Amino acid sequence: MKSRNLLPLSKHTEVSPETAAALRSARTASTRAQYARQIKSFSAWLGRPVLGADPVDVANYLAGPGTARSASWRGQCVAAIRACFGDAGMPSPTDHPGVARTLRGLRRQHPRAPRQAAPLTVEAIAAIEATACAPRVGPGGRRESRHRAECRGKIDIALVRVMRDALLRRSEAAALTWGDVHEHADGSGRLTLAGPTKTDPEATSPHVSYLTRATMKALAATAAPGTTPATSLFGLSARQIARRIKTAAVAAGLEGRFSGHSPRTGAVHSLTERGATLPQLQQAGRWKSPAMPAHYAREARAGKNAVALLLETP
């Protein structure tokens, strides 16, 4: 059985199922899902298939009052349309200079700094550890049993600790197995990110992160009987991880916009306060550019600038 789907090669080229699968794998599942949502929305706005769109359609959609969104949304929309046309072997209307000028104008008309997740600092982690195992009342009004609360709380504690030590994205945490964790003789651990990640989609260079002794103890407390190296480390999806962190922060009485990104920003904040340089942050967090760690560390770095060091009196 042959397929003609997703072919930027030729309208008449027939592709095997194996090649079609390889073409799909060129993008992550999350990217394919995001693009599909964007294309569905744009097609509904157009009232016809996306492949019939021209540069004016794209510019009007991006600038329309009913579709005014963040700069990241607009960027994702453009990427989805470009991918759709590219997969069909057609030139994309997003490449027209007028679309680029429209985007530039929208950024100037609606400047908006990206919202940053509240950092899970050392103090925030301690607050979560102190409250995580307390029974909670669920959406249905039923209170957790003490045993259930303790099991859930231990996972929450291990989750935020591992994610913070290794500066993990929630998708990376969701993909971990027990085989990725290795304990050293001194009680510390090493976490190997061997699978595809956001910055290494082809998994060409496995990254090894350090896990503190306290984190290894928290993780060991979650190991269930029958656990194997292939067993999921947390047994949670990326979406569930974000929800668990947010709920744990609220239960601990923490104020701010906590999310699945909070352990990562918290690690950057704490490392910066302890003197980590931008190259060190970039390496630890697996960023391709120092721009993002610099953005996350801006508040902590302000406390170490010339004014803070030279003019602040003891």
Protein backbone atom coordinates (compact mmCIF):
# COMPACT_ATOMS: atom_id res chain seq x y z
CA MET A 1 0.00 0.00 0.00
CA LYS A 2 1.49 3.33 -0.97
CA SER A 3 0.82 6.82 0.33
CA ARG A 4 1.04 10.30 -1.16
CA ASN A 5 0.66 12.10 2.18
CA LEU A 6 3.07 14.76 3.46
CA LEU A 7 5.14 14.97 0.31
CA PRO A 8 7.28 18.05 -0.34
CA LEU A 9 9.10 15.97 -2.98
CA SER A 10 6.88 15.75 -6.03
CA LYS A 11 3.18 15.59 -6.78
CA HIS A 12 3.76 12.35 -8.65
CA THR A 13 6.19 10.68 -6.27
CA GLU A 14 4.80 7.61 -4.55
CA VAL A 15 6.09 7.04 -1.04
CA SER A 16 6.14 3.86 1.00
CA PRO A 17 4.47 3.70 4.44
CA GLU A 18 7.96 3.59 5.98
CA THR A 19 8.95 6.84 4.27
CA ALA A 20 5.64 8.46 5.24
CA ALA A 21 6.30 7.45 8.85
CA ALA A 22 9.80 8.96 8.68
CA LEU A 23 8.36 12.20 7.29
CA ARG A 24 5.87 12.39 10.16
CA SER A 25 8.65 11.74 12.68
CA ALA A 26 10.54 14.77 11.41
CA ARG A 27 8.25 16.72 13.76
CA THR A 28 7.44 15.80 17.32
CA ALA A 29 3.95 14.62 18.22
CA SER A 30 3.32 17.82 20.17
CA THR A 31 4.39 19.97 17.20
CA ARG A 32 2.13 18.00 14.84
CA ALA A 33 -0.78 18.47 17.26
CA GLN A 34 -0.12 22.22 17.59
CA TYR A 35 0.12 22.66 13.83
CA ALA A 36 -3.10 20.68 13.30
CA ARG A 37 -4.98 22.96 15.70
CA GLN A 38 -3.63 26.06 13.97
CA ILE A 39 -4.53 24.78 10.51
CA LYS A 40 -8.04 23.80 11.64
CA SER A 41 -8.60 27.28 13.10
CA PHE A 42 -7.23 29.09 10.03
CA SER A 43 -9.29 26.91 7.67
CA ALA A 44 -12.47 27.65 9.64
CA TRP A 45 -11.71 31.39 9.45
CA LEU A 46 -11.06 31.15 5.70
CA GLY A 47 -14.12 29.06 5.00
CA ARG A 48 -12.10 26.93 2.59
CA PRO A 49 -8.99 24.70 2.58
CA VAL A 50 -5.79 26.35 3.80
CA LEU A 51 -3.92 25.52 0.60
CA GLY A 52 -6.10 28.08 -1.18
CA ALA A 53 -4.87 30.94 1.03
CA ASP A 54 -2.79 33.85 -0.30
CA PRO A 55 -0.53 36.36 1.54
CA VAL A 56 -3.40 38.80 2.09
CA ASP A 57 -5.47 36.06 3.74
CA VAL A 58 -2.59 35.24 6.10
CA ALA A 59 -1.94 38.89 6.97
CA ASN A 60 -5.64 39.58 7.58
CA TYR A 61 -5.93 36.51 9.80
CA LEU A 62 -2.90 37.46 11.90
CA ALA A 63 -4.07 41.06 12.29
CA GLY A 64 -7.79 40.41 12.66
CA PRO A 65 -9.41 41.60 15.92
CA GLY A 66 -11.01 38.21 16.43
CA THR A 67 -7.62 36.46 16.32
CA ALA A 68 -5.44 38.88 18.27
CA ARG A 69 -3.13 36.67 20.30
CA SER A 70 0.39 36.64 21.68
CA ALA A 71 3.50 36.91 19.55
CA SER A 72 4.22 33.22 20.22
CA TRP A 73 0.74 32.29 18.92
CA ARG A 74 1.32 34.28 15.74
CA GLY A 75 4.72 32.66 15.26
CA GLN A 76 3.25 29.20 15.69
CA CYS A 77 0.45 30.04 13.25
CA VAL A 78 2.94 31.13 10.59
CA ALA A 79 5.04 28.00 11.16
CA ALA A 80 1.97 25.76 10.80
CA ILE A 81 0.87 27.40 7.54
CA ARG A 82 4.41 27.25 6.15
CA ALA A 83 4.63 23.55 7.05
CA CYS A 84 1.24 22.83 5.47
CA PHE A 85 2.25 24.38 2.15
CA GLY A 86 5.72 22.84 2.31
CA ASP A 87 4.29 19.35 2.85
CA ALA A 88 2.16 19.87 -0.26
CA GLY A 89 5.19 20.98 -2.30
CA MET A 90 3.79 24.49 -2.72
CA PRO A 91 5.33 27.93 -2.02
CA SER A 92 4.01 29.34 1.22
CA PRO A 93 2.15 32.68 1.36
CA THR A 94 3.87 33.26 4.72
CA ASP A 95 7.11 33.94 2.85
CA HIS A 96 5.68 37.09 1.23
CA PRO A 97 7.38 40.29 2.49
CA GLY A 98 3.99 41.76 3.34
CA VAL A 99 3.35 39.03 5.91
CA ALA A 100 6.71 39.72 7.57
CA ARG A 101 5.93 43.46 7.70
CA THR A 102 2.51 42.72 9.19
CA LEU A 103 4.08 40.65 11.94
CA ARG A 104 6.62 43.38 12.66
CA GLY A 105 3.85 45.96 12.87
CA LEU A 106 1.77 43.77 15.21
CA ARG A 107 4.74 43.36 17.54
CA ARG A 108 5.09 47.14 17.73
CA GLN A 109 1.36 47.73 18.15
CA HIS A 110 0.97 45.10 20.85
CA PRO A 111 4.27 44.82 22.73
CA ARG A 112 3.89 42.20 25.38
CA ALA A 113 6.64 40.62 27.42
CA PRO A 114 6.24 36.85 27.62
CA ARG A 115 4.74 35.75 30.91
CA GLN A 116 7.22 33.88 33.08
CA ALA A 117 6.28 31.05 35.39
CA ALA A 118 6.86 31.75 39.08
CA PRO A 119 10.16 30.11 40.09
CA LEU A 120 10.21 27.14 42.43
CA THR A 121 13.05 28.37 44.62
CA VAL A 122 14.66 26.51 47.52
CA GLU A 123 12.12 28.08 49.86
CA ALA A 124 9.20 27.13 47.58
CA ILE A 125 10.40 23.51 47.36
CA ALA A 126 10.61 23.39 51.18
CA ALA A 127 7.05 24.71 51.45
CA ILE A 128 5.79 22.02 49.06
CA GLU A 129 7.65 19.30 50.97
CA ALA A 130 6.03 20.46 54.21
CA THR A 131 2.48 20.26 52.84
CA ALA A 132 2.50 17.75 49.96
CA CYS A 133 1.45 14.71 52.00
CA ALA A 134 -1.47 16.39 53.79
CA PRO A 135 -4.88 15.01 52.68
CA ARG A 136 -6.72 17.25 50.21
CA VAL A 137 -10.34 17.64 49.22
CA GLY A 138 -10.95 16.73 45.58
CA PRO A 139 -13.25 18.48 43.05
CA GLY A 140 -16.08 16.15 44.06
CA GLY A 141 -15.79 17.15 47.71
CA ARG A 142 -14.27 13.84 48.80
CA ARG A 143 -11.27 13.98 51.12
CA GLU A 144 -8.22 11.86 50.36
CA SER A 145 -7.30 9.00 52.65
CA ARG A 146 -4.08 9.45 54.57
CA HIS A 147 -2.43 6.65 52.60
CA ARG A 148 -3.48 8.10 49.24
CA ALA A 149 -2.30 11.56 50.25
CA GLU A 150 1.09 10.23 51.35
CA CYS A 151 1.60 8.33 48.06
CA ARG A 152 0.60 11.34 45.97
CA GLY A 153 2.65 13.73 48.08
CA LYS A 154 5.82 11.64 47.77
CA ILE A 155 5.49 11.72 43.98
CA ASP A 156 4.91 15.50 44.03
CA ILE A 157 8.04 16.03 46.13
CA ALA A 158 10.20 13.78 43.93
CA LEU A 159 8.76 15.39 40.80
CA VAL A 160 9.59 18.99 41.69
CA ARG A 161 13.01 18.01 43.03
CA VAL A 162 14.06 16.01 39.96
CA MET A 163 12.72 18.63 37.56
CA ARG A 164 14.51 21.40 39.43
CA ASP A 165 17.86 19.58 39.76
CA ALA A 166 17.90 18.65 36.07
CA LEU A 167 16.14 21.82 34.77
CA LEU A 168 13.62 19.59 33.03
CA ARG A 169 10.84 20.61 30.71
CA ARG A 170 7.56 18.89 31.55
CA SER A 171 7.69 16.79 28.36
CA GLU A 172 11.16 15.59 29.32
CA ALA A 173 9.98 14.65 32.82
CA ALA A 174 7.00 12.76 31.41
CA ALA A 175 9.28 10.66 29.18
CA LEU A 176 11.65 9.54 31.97
CA THR A 177 11.96 5.93 33.12
CA TRP A 178 13.72 4.40 36.12
CA GLY A 179 16.43 3.23 33.75
CA ASP A 180 17.41 6.86 33.19
CA VAL A 181 18.42 7.30 36.86
CA HIS A 182 21.72 6.00 38.23
CA GLU A 183 22.83 6.29 41.86
CA HIS A 184 26.46 6.95 42.79
CA ALA A 185 28.28 5.64 45.83
CA ASP A 186 28.01 9.01 47.63
CA GLY A 187 24.20 8.91 47.39
CA SER A 188 23.92 11.46 44.60
CA GLY A 189 22.47 10.51 41.22
CA ARG A 190 22.85 11.06 37.51
CA LEU A 191 19.91 11.49 35.16
CA THR A 192 20.44 10.66 31.49
CA LEU A 193 18.18 12.29 28.91
CA ALA A 194 18.77 9.77 26.16
CA GLY A 195 15.57 10.27 24.19
CA PRO A 196 14.51 13.10 21.88
CA THR A 197 14.25 16.50 23.57
CA LYS A 198 13.18 19.95 22.42
CA THR A 199 16.76 21.01 21.69
CA ASP A 200 17.97 17.57 20.54
CA PRO A 201 15.05 16.02 18.64
CA GLU A 202 17.27 13.38 17.04
CA ALA A 203 18.79 12.34 20.40
CA THR A 204 22.31 12.57 19.01
CA SER A 205 23.91 13.71 22.27
CA PRO A 206 22.46 12.32 25.54
CA HIS A 207 22.63 14.86 28.35
CA VAL A 208 23.58 13.82 31.88
CA SER A 209 22.30 15.90 34.83
CA TYR A 210 23.25 15.81 38.50
CA LEU A 211 20.65 14.83 41.13
CA THR A 212 21.31 15.78 44.74
CA ARG A 213 21.31 13.24 47.56
CA ALA A 214 18.08 14.74 48.93
CA THR A 215 16.46 14.30 45.53
CA MET A 216 17.61 10.69 45.27
CA LYS A 217 16.09 9.95 48.70
CA ALA A 218 12.81 11.57 47.63
CA LEU A 219 12.82 9.53 44.44
CA ALA A 220 13.59 6.27 46.23
CA ALA A 221 10.53 6.84 48.45
CA THR A 222 8.30 6.61 45.35
CA ALA A 223 9.63 3.29 44.01
CA ALA A 224 6.84 0.72 43.96
CA PRO A 225 7.24 -3.08 44.10
CA GLY A 226 7.87 -4.51 40.65
CA THR A 227 9.51 -1.36 39.32
CA THR A 228 11.75 -2.09 36.31
CA PRO A 229 14.15 0.10 34.31
CA ALA A 230 11.39 0.51 31.70
CA THR A 231 8.82 1.72 34.24
CA SER A 232 7.81 5.38 33.92
CA LEU A 233 9.55 7.44 36.58
CA PHE A 234 6.46 9.43 37.56
CA GLY A 235 3.62 7.80 35.61
CA LEU A 236 2.32 11.21 34.57
CA SER A 237 1.72 12.96 31.25
CA ALA A 238 3.17 16.41 30.54
CA ARG A 239 -0.26 17.97 31.12
CA GLN A 240 -0.70 16.10 34.43
CA ILE A 241 2.75 17.23 35.56
CA ALA A 242 1.85 20.88 35.03
CA ARG A 243 -1.39 20.40 36.97
CA ARG A 244 0.34 18.60 39.85
CA ILE A 245 2.92 21.34 40.27
CA LYS A 246 0.32 24.10 40.20
CA THR A 247 -1.89 22.27 42.73
CA ALA A 248 1.06 21.52 45.03
CA ALA A 249 2.09 25.19 44.99
CA VAL A 250 -1.43 26.34 45.85
CA ALA A 251 -1.68 23.77 48.66
CA ALA A 252 1.63 25.07 50.04
CA GLY A 253 0.26 28.62 50.15
CA LEU A 254 2.67 29.90 47.49
CA GLU A 255 1.64 32.99 45.54
CA GLY A 256 2.32 33.39 41.85
CA ARG A 257 1.73 31.76 38.48
CA PHE A 258 3.18 28.29 39.00
CA SER A 259 3.27 25.80 36.15
CA GLY A 260 5.24 22.92 34.70
CA HIS A 261 7.97 25.43 33.85
CA SER A 262 8.41 26.61 37.46
CA PRO A 263 11.09 24.07 38.50
CA ARG A 264 13.20 25.10 35.49
CA THR A 265 12.92 28.83 36.16
CA GLY A 266 13.47 28.22 39.87
CA ALA A 267 16.70 26.37 39.17
CA VAL A 268 17.98 29.22 36.99
CA HIS A 269 17.07 31.72 39.72
CA SER A 270 18.88 29.78 42.46
CA LEU A 271 21.92 28.94 40.35
CA THR A 272 22.30 32.59 39.36
CA GLU A 273 22.15 33.68 42.99
CA ARG A 274 24.98 31.23 43.70
CA GLY A 275 27.16 32.70 40.97
CA ALA A 276 26.45 30.53 37.92
CA THR A 277 27.48 32.13 34.63
CA LEU A 278 25.30 32.29 31.53
CA PRO A 279 27.34 29.56 29.74
CA GLN A 280 26.91 27.33 32.80
CA LEU A 281 23.15 27.96 32.85
CA GLN A 282 22.96 27.34 29.12
CA GLN A 283 24.72 24.00 29.47
CA ALA A 284 22.70 22.87 32.49
CA GLY A 285 19.38 23.76 30.87
CA ARG A 286 20.28 22.53 27.39
CA TRP A 287 19.55 25.87 25.72
CA LYS A 288 20.94 26.50 22.24
CA SER A 289 21.31 30.22 23.00
CA PRO A 290 22.11 32.19 26.17
CA ALA A 291 19.12 34.46 25.49
CA MET A 292 16.54 32.37 27.40
CA PRO A 293 18.58 31.70 30.56
CA ALA A 294 19.47 35.41 30.58
CA HIS A 295 15.75 36.22 30.43
CA TYR A 296 14.89 33.82 33.26
CA ALA A 297 17.79 35.03 35.41
CA ARG A 298 17.24 38.76 34.93
CA GLU A 299 15.79 39.36 38.43
CA ALA A 300 18.49 37.38 40.22
CA ARG A 301 21.20 39.00 38.09
CA ALA A 302 19.90 42.47 38.99
CA GLY A 303 20.74 41.68 42.60
CA LYS A 304 24.36 41.16 41.57
CA ASN A 305 24.86 44.13 39.26
CA ALA A 306 27.21 47.03 39.92
CA VAL A 307 24.66 49.09 41.83
CA ALA A 308 23.79 46.22 44.15
CA LEU A 309 27.42 45.30 44.78
CA LEU A 310 28.94 48.75 45.09
CA LEU A 311 26.24 51.10 46.38
CA GLU A 312 24.20 48.94 48.73
CA THR A 313 25.45 49.44 52.28
CA PRO A 314 25.60 46.48 54.68
